[in-house]
Structure formats: structure tokens, C-alpha cells
Amino acid sequence: MKSIINLYLDWVNNYLSLEVFAEHNQISIKLASLIIKEGRILHEINTAGIDSLNTPAKTYFINKMEH
């Protein structure tokens, strides 16, 4: 199976609707939505670093990295 980041990038580059993305990947719409949200966060971390994240998840990742 593709990685979450690759699925996110596939959605960004090739799909206009969440429903079609979910159908083509044979997953539920809820799972497709989660993949897109998580993929965006992971992609941001990989490409620009944690400082560029502007989401509530930023605090989560900062707290997890401090341990």
C-alpha cells in the first residue's frame, strides 16, 4: 500500500473530490479524510519543518518530541 504522504500527494495532484479519491483507493470516505489530514501534516513536516505547521497538531508534535 502507498504511504500516507504518497496518498496525500496523489489526492492533491489528481483528484477533485474526496468521494472519487476514496472510491479509487477502495477506502471509506472517513478514512480518505483522515489520510488527507495526516498526509498534509506529515508532508509539511518533511518539506518545511515543524516550524511551518500552522495547526493544532503542531503542539502535539512538539510535546511528543520533547520526551
PDB file of N, CA and C in Angstrom:
ATOM      1  N   MET A   1       0.841  -1.191   0.000  1.00  0.00           N
ATOM      2  CA  MET A   1       0.000   0.000   0.000  1.00  0.00           C
ATOM      3  C   MET A   1       0.884   1.252   0.000  1.00  0.00           C
ATOM      4  N   LYS A   2       0.396   2.276  -0.626  1.00  0.00           N
ATOM      5  CA  LYS A   2       1.130   3.535  -0.689  1.00  0.00           C
ATOM      6  C   LYS A   2       1.279   4.144   0.702  1.00  0.00           C
ATOM      7  N   SER A   3       2.308   4.950   0.879  1.00  0.00           N
ATOM      8  CA  SER A   3       2.467   5.628   2.156  1.00  0.00           C
ATOM      9  C   SER A   3       1.423   6.739   2.277  1.00  0.00           C
ATOM     10  N   ILE A   4       1.214   7.197   3.495  1.00  0.00           N
ATOM     11  CA  ILE A   4       0.221   8.256   3.728  1.00  0.00           C
ATOM     12  C   ILE A   4       0.599   9.526   2.967  1.00  0.00           C
ATOM     13  N   ILE A   5       1.875   9.857   2.957  1.00  0.00           N
ATOM     14  CA  ILE A   5       2.302  11.060   2.227  1.00  0.00           C
ATOM     15  C   ILE A   5       2.044  10.894   0.738  1.00  0.00           C
ATOM     16  N   ASN A   6       2.359   9.728   0.196  1.00  0.00           N
ATOM     17  CA  ASN A   6       2.122   9.500  -1.233  1.00  0.00           C
ATOM     18  C   ASN A   6       0.640   9.545  -1.573  1.00  0.00           C
ATOM     19  N   LEU A   7      -0.196   8.996  -0.701  1.00  0.00           N
ATOM     20  CA  LEU A   7      -1.643   9.077  -0.922  1.00  0.00           C
ATOM     21  C   LEU A   7      -2.120  10.519  -0.880  1.00  0.00           C
ATOM     22  N   TYR A   8      -1.613  11.284   0.075  1.00  0.00           N
ATOM     23  CA  TYR A   8      -1.970  12.702   0.166  1.00  0.00           C
ATOM     24  C   TYR A   8      -1.573  13.443  -1.112  1.00  0.00           C
ATOM     25  N   LEU A   9      -0.341  13.229  -1.566  1.00  0.00           N
ATOM     26  CA  LEU A   9       0.121  13.906  -2.780  1.00  0.00           C
ATOM     27  C   LEU A   9      -0.665  13.459  -4.008  1.00  0.00           C
ATOM     28  N   ASP A  10      -1.048  12.192  -4.039  1.00  0.00           N
ATOM     29  CA  ASP A  10      -1.894  11.693  -5.127  1.00  0.00           C
ATOM     30  C   ASP A  10      -3.225  12.439  -5.127  1.00  0.00           C
ATOM     31  N   TRP A  11      -3.800  12.620  -3.945  1.00  0.00           N
ATOM     32  CA  TRP A  11      -5.076  13.343  -3.840  1.00  0.00           C
ATOM     33  C   TRP A  11      -4.916  14.790  -4.284  1.00  0.00           C
ATOM     34  N   VAL A  12      -3.884  15.460  -3.808  1.00  0.00           N
ATOM     35  CA  VAL A  12      -3.650  16.867  -4.150  1.00  0.00           C
ATOM     36  C   VAL A  12      -3.489  17.044  -5.662  1.00  0.00           C
ATOM     37  N   ASN A  13      -2.745  16.149  -6.276  1.00  0.00           N
ATOM     38  CA  ASN A  13      -2.391  16.313  -7.687  1.00  0.00           C
ATOM     39  C   ASN A  13      -3.392  15.736  -8.674  1.00  0.00           C
ATOM     40  N   ASN A  14      -4.226  14.771  -8.238  1.00  0.00           N
ATOM     41  CA  ASN A  14      -5.020  14.046  -9.225  1.00  0.00           C
ATOM     42  C   ASN A  14      -6.524  13.991  -8.991  1.00  0.00           C
ATOM     43  N   TYR A  15      -7.004  14.509  -7.881  1.00  0.00           N
ATOM     44  CA  TYR A  15      -8.431  14.357  -7.585  1.00  0.00           C
ATOM     45  C   TYR A  15      -9.084  15.689  -7.260  1.00  0.00           C
ATOM     46  N   LEU A  16     -10.361  15.789  -7.638  1.00  0.00           N
ATOM     47  CA  LEU A  16     -11.146  16.976  -7.315  1.00  0.00           C
ATOM     48  C   LEU A  16     -12.109  16.730  -6.170  1.00  0.00           C
ATOM     49  N   SER A  17     -12.421  15.469  -5.896  1.00  0.00           N
ATOM     50  CA  SER A  17     -13.372  15.191  -4.814  1.00  0.00           C
ATOM     51  C   SER A  17     -12.869  14.060  -3.922  1.00  0.00           C
ATOM     52  N   LEU A  18     -13.240  14.164  -2.684  1.00  0.00           N
ATOM     53  CA  LEU A  18     -12.889  13.154  -1.698  1.00  0.00           C
ATOM     54  C   LEU A  18     -13.552  11.820  -2.030  1.00  0.00           C
ATOM     55  N   GLU A  19     -14.771  11.882  -2.524  1.00  0.00           N
ATOM     56  CA  GLU A  19     -15.522  10.664  -2.843  1.00  0.00           C
ATOM     57  C   GLU A  19     -14.835   9.829  -3.922  1.00  0.00           C
ATOM     58  N   VAL A  20     -14.366  10.484  -4.968  1.00  0.00           N
ATOM     59  CA  VAL A  20     -13.700   9.755  -6.053  1.00  0.00           C
ATOM     60  C   VAL A  20     -12.358   9.201  -5.573  1.00  0.00           C
ATOM     61  N   PHE A  21     -11.631   9.987  -4.791  1.00  0.00           N
ATOM     62  CA  PHE A  21     -10.364   9.509  -4.215  1.00  0.00           C
ATOM     63  C   PHE A  21     -10.594   8.252  -3.382  1.00  0.00           C
ATOM     64  N   ALA A  22     -11.614   8.278  -2.529  1.00  0.00           N
ATOM     65  CA  ALA A  22     -11.934   7.122  -1.687  1.00  0.00           C
ATOM     66  C   ALA A  22     -12.323   5.921  -2.550  1.00  0.00           C
ATOM     67  N   GLU A  23     -13.145   6.147  -3.536  1.00  0.00           N
ATOM     68  CA  GLU A  23     -13.592   5.055  -4.410  1.00  0.00           C
ATOM     69  C   GLU A  23     -12.415   4.419  -5.154  1.00  0.00           C
ATOM     70  N   HIS A  24     -11.540   5.232  -5.719  1.00  0.00           N
ATOM     71  CA  HIS A  24     -10.408   4.714  -6.478  1.00  0.00           C
ATOM     72  C   HIS A  24      -9.411   3.953  -5.607  1.00  0.00           C
ATOM     73  N   ASN A  25      -9.336   4.307  -4.333  1.00  0.00           N
ATOM     74  CA  ASN A  25      -8.414   3.625  -3.421  1.00  0.00           C
ATOM     75  C   ASN A  25      -9.108   2.555  -2.591  1.00  0.00           C
ATOM     76  N   GLN A  26     -10.386   2.346  -2.865  1.00  0.00           N
ATOM     77  CA  GLN A  26     -11.197   1.329  -2.192  1.00  0.00           C
ATOM     78  C   GLN A  26     -11.154   1.468  -0.670  1.00  0.00           C
ATOM     79  N   ILE A  27     -11.387   2.709  -0.217  1.00  0.00           N
ATOM     80  CA  ILE A  27     -11.434   3.008   1.215  1.00  0.00           C
ATOM     81  C   ILE A  27     -12.680   3.835   1.497  1.00  0.00           C
ATOM     82  N   SER A  28     -13.039   3.940   2.774  1.00  0.00           N
ATOM     83  CA  SER A  28     -14.205   4.741   3.141  1.00  0.00           C
ATOM     84  C   SER A  28     -13.869   6.231   3.032  1.00  0.00           C
ATOM     85  N   ILE A  29     -14.892   7.041   2.948  1.00  0.00           N
ATOM     86  CA  ILE A  29     -14.702   8.488   2.895  1.00  0.00           C
ATOM     87  C   ILE A  29     -14.075   8.989   4.195  1.00  0.00           C
ATOM     88  N   LYS A  30     -14.463   8.395   5.323  1.00  0.00           N
ATOM     89  CA  LYS A  30     -13.863   8.786   6.609  1.00  0.00           C
ATOM     90  C   LYS A  30     -12.362   8.509   6.616  1.00  0.00           C
ATOM     91  N   LEU A  31     -11.970   7.340   6.141  1.00  0.00           N
ATOM     92  CA  LEU A  31     -10.553   7.001   6.093  1.00  0.00           C
ATOM     93  C   LEU A  31      -9.816   7.904   5.106  1.00  0.00           C
ATOM     94  N   ALA A  32     -10.423   8.188   3.978  1.00  0.00           N
ATOM     95  CA  ALA A  32      -9.810   9.084   2.993  1.00  0.00           C
ATOM     96  C   ALA A  32      -9.569  10.461   3.606  1.00  0.00           C
ATOM     97  N   SER A  33     -10.527  10.951   4.346  1.00  0.00           N
ATOM     98  CA  SER A  33     -10.391  12.254   5.007  1.00  0.00           C
ATOM     99  C   SER A  33      -9.246  12.233   6.018  1.00  0.00           C
ATOM    100  N   LEU A  34      -9.165  11.177   6.795  1.00  0.00           N
ATOM    101  CA  LEU A  34      -8.087  11.042   7.780  1.00  0.00           C
ATOM    102  C   LEU A  34      -6.720  10.976   7.096  1.00  0.00           C
ATOM    103  N   ILE A  35      -6.630  10.221   6.022  1.00  0.00           N
ATOM    104  CA  ILE A  35      -5.372  10.109   5.277  1.00  0.00           C
ATOM    105  C   ILE A  35      -4.940  11.466   4.757  1.00  0.00           C
ATOM    106  N   ILE A  36      -5.872  12.236   4.234  1.00  0.00           N
ATOM    107  CA  ILE A  36      -5.544  13.550   3.693  1.00  0.00           C
ATOM    108  C   ILE A  36      -5.073  14.490   4.801  1.00  0.00           C
ATOM    109  N   LYS A  37      -5.758  14.470   5.940  1.00  0.00           N
ATOM    110  CA  LYS A  37      -5.349  15.329   7.059  1.00  0.00           C
ATOM    111  C   LYS A  37      -3.975  14.937   7.581  1.00  0.00           C
ATOM    112  N   GLU A  38      -3.770  13.654   7.838  1.00  0.00           N
ATOM    113  CA  GLU A  38      -2.493  13.183   8.361  1.00  0.00           C
ATOM    114  C   GLU A  38      -1.379  13.349   7.322  1.00  0.00           C
ATOM    115  N   GLY A  39      -1.705  13.076   6.071  1.00  0.00           N
ATOM    116  CA  GLY A  39      -0.720  13.221   4.998  1.00  0.00           C
ATOM    117  C   GLY A  39      -0.242  14.645   4.842  1.00  0.00           C
ATOM    118  N   ARG A  40      -1.158  15.596   4.995  1.00  0.00           N
ATOM    119  CA  ARG A  40      -0.782  17.011   4.899  1.00  0.00           C
ATOM    120  C   ARG A  40       0.187  17.374   6.013  1.00  0.00           C
ATOM    121  N   ILE A  41      -0.108  16.935   7.228  1.00  0.00           N
ATOM    122  CA  ILE A  41       0.766  17.220   8.365  1.00  0.00           C
ATOM    123  C   ILE A  41       2.142  16.601   8.154  1.00  0.00           C
ATOM    124  N   LEU A  42       2.167  15.338   7.777  1.00  0.00           N
ATOM    125  CA  LEU A  42       3.451  14.661   7.556  1.00  0.00           C
ATOM    126  C   LEU A  42       4.237  15.296   6.414  1.00  0.00           C
ATOM    127  N   HIS A  43       3.535  15.666   5.362  1.00  0.00           N
ATOM    128  CA  HIS A  43       4.190  16.315   4.215  1.00  0.00           C
ATOM    129  C   HIS A  43       4.796  17.651   4.638  1.00  0.00           C
ATOM    130  N   GLU A  44       4.054  18.436   5.409  1.00  0.00           N
ATOM    131  CA  GLU A  44       4.564  19.718   5.893  1.00  0.00           C
ATOM    132  C   GLU A  44       5.811  19.521   6.743  1.00  0.00           C
ATOM    133  N   ILE A  45       5.788  18.544   7.619  1.00  0.00           N
ATOM    134  CA  ILE A  45       6.948  18.272   8.467  1.00  0.00           C
ATOM    135  C   ILE A  45       8.151  17.890   7.618  1.00  0.00           C
ATOM    136  N   ASN A  46       7.935  17.051   6.620  1.00  0.00           N
ATOM    137  CA  ASN A  46       9.042  16.578   5.776  1.00  0.00           C
ATOM    138  C   ASN A  46       9.600  17.645   4.855  1.00  0.00           C
ATOM    139  N   THR A  47       8.769  18.575   4.406  1.00  0.00           N
ATOM    140  CA  THR A  47       9.240  19.540   3.415  1.00  0.00           C
ATOM    141  C   THR A  47       9.676  20.866   4.008  1.00  0.00           C
ATOM    142  N   ALA A  48       9.019  21.308   5.060  1.00  0.00           N
ATOM    143  CA  ALA A  48       9.326  22.646   5.562  1.00  0.00           C
ATOM    144  C   ALA A  48       9.724  22.669   7.030  1.00  0.00           C
ATOM    145  N   GLY A  49       9.616  21.575   7.707  1.00  0.00           N
ATOM    146  CA  GLY A  49       9.956  21.541   9.118  1.00  0.00           C
ATOM    147  C   GLY A  49       8.769  21.861   9.993  1.00  0.00           C
ATOM    148  N   ILE A  50       8.866  21.527  11.241  1.00  0.00           N
ATOM    149  CA  ILE A  50       7.754  21.686  12.176  1.00  0.00           C
ATOM    150  C   ILE A  50       7.389  23.147  12.392  1.00  0.00           C
ATOM    151  N   ASP A  51       8.323  24.068  12.255  1.00  0.00           N
ATOM    152  CA  ASP A  51       8.023  25.482  12.493  1.00  0.00           C
ATOM    153  C   ASP A  51       7.011  26.043  11.511  1.00  0.00           C
ATOM    154  N   SER A  52       6.882  25.429  10.344  1.00  0.00           N
ATOM    155  CA  SER A  52       5.941  25.937   9.355  1.00  0.00           C
ATOM    156  C   SER A  52       4.514  25.440   9.568  1.00  0.00           C
ATOM    157  N   LEU A  53       4.340  24.441  10.432  1.00  0.00           N
ATOM    158  CA  LEU A  53       2.990  23.940  10.687  1.00  0.00           C
ATOM    159  C   LEU A  53       2.157  25.005  11.377  1.00  0.00           C
ATOM    160  N   ASN A  54       0.967  25.207  10.883  1.00  0.00           N
ATOM    161  CA  ASN A  54       0.072  26.178  11.489  1.00  0.00           C
ATOM    162  C   ASN A  54      -1.228  25.466  11.837  1.00  0.00           C
ATOM    163  N   THR A  55      -1.115  24.445  12.658  1.00  0.00           N
ATOM    164  CA  THR A  55      -2.274  23.645  13.026  1.00  0.00           C
ATOM    165  C   THR A  55      -2.201  23.290  14.501  1.00  0.00           C
ATOM    166  N   PRO A  56      -3.305  22.863  15.080  1.00  0.00           N
ATOM    167  CA  PRO A  56      -3.260  22.400  16.463  1.00  0.00           C
ATOM    168  C   PRO A  56      -2.315  21.207  16.636  1.00  0.00           C
ATOM    169  N   ALA A  57      -2.049  20.488  15.578  1.00  0.00           N
ATOM    170  CA  ALA A  57      -1.158  19.332  15.656  1.00  0.00           C
ATOM    171  C   ALA A  57       0.272  19.745  15.964  1.00  0.00           C
ATOM    172  N   LYS A  58       0.630  21.002  15.700  1.00  0.00           N
ATOM    173  CA  LYS A  58       1.988  21.467  15.962  1.00  0.00           C
ATOM    174  C   LYS A  58       2.336  21.264  17.438  1.00  0.00           C
ATOM    175  N   THR A  59       1.442  21.650  18.325  1.00  0.00           N
ATOM    176  CA  THR A  59       1.675  21.485  19.753  1.00  0.00           C
ATOM    177  C   THR A  59       1.824  20.014  20.102  1.00  0.00           C
ATOM    178  N   TYR A  60       1.011  19.177  19.501  1.00  0.00           N
ATOM    179  CA  TYR A  60       1.088  17.739  19.741  1.00  0.00           C
ATOM    180  C   TYR A  60       2.475  17.219  19.390  1.00  0.00           C
ATOM    181  N   PHE A  61       2.970  17.567  18.198  1.00  0.00           N
ATOM    182  CA  PHE A  61       4.271  17.061  17.769  1.00  0.00           C
ATOM    183  C   PHE A  61       5.397  17.631  18.619  1.00  0.00           C
ATOM    184  N   ILE A  62       5.315  18.880  19.006  1.00  0.00           N
ATOM    185  CA  ILE A  62       6.335  19.477  19.855  1.00  0.00           C
ATOM    186  C   ILE A  62       6.385  18.758  21.198  1.00  0.00           C
ATOM    187  N   ASN A  63       5.213  18.509  21.782  1.00  0.00           N
ATOM    188  CA  ASN A  63       5.168  17.810  23.062  1.00  0.00           C
ATOM    189  C   ASN A  63       5.722  16.394  22.962  1.00  0.00           C
ATOM    190  N   LYS A  64       5.438  15.696  21.885  1.00  0.00           N
ATOM    191  CA  LYS A  64       5.918  14.321  21.718  1.00  0.00           C
ATOM    192  C   LYS A  64       7.427  14.288  21.509  1.00  0.00           C
ATOM    193  N   MET A  65       7.975  15.293  20.848  1.00  0.00           N
ATOM    194  CA  MET A  65       9.409  15.311  20.571  1.00  0.00           C
ATOM    195  C   MET A  65      10.214  15.686  21.800  1.00  0.00           C
ATOM    196  N   GLU A  66       9.613  16.331  22.784  1.00  0.00           N
ATOM    197  CA  GLU A  66      10.338  16.736  23.981  1.00  0.00           C
ATOM    198  C   GLU A  66      10.625  15.554  24.908  1.00  0.00           C
ATOM    199  N   HIS A  67       9.919  14.474  24.756  1.00  0.00           N
ATOM    200  CA  HIS A  67      10.104  13.318  25.656  1.00  0.00           C
ATOM    201  C   HIS A  67      11.236  12.461  25.230  1.00  0.00           C
TER     202      HIS A  67
END
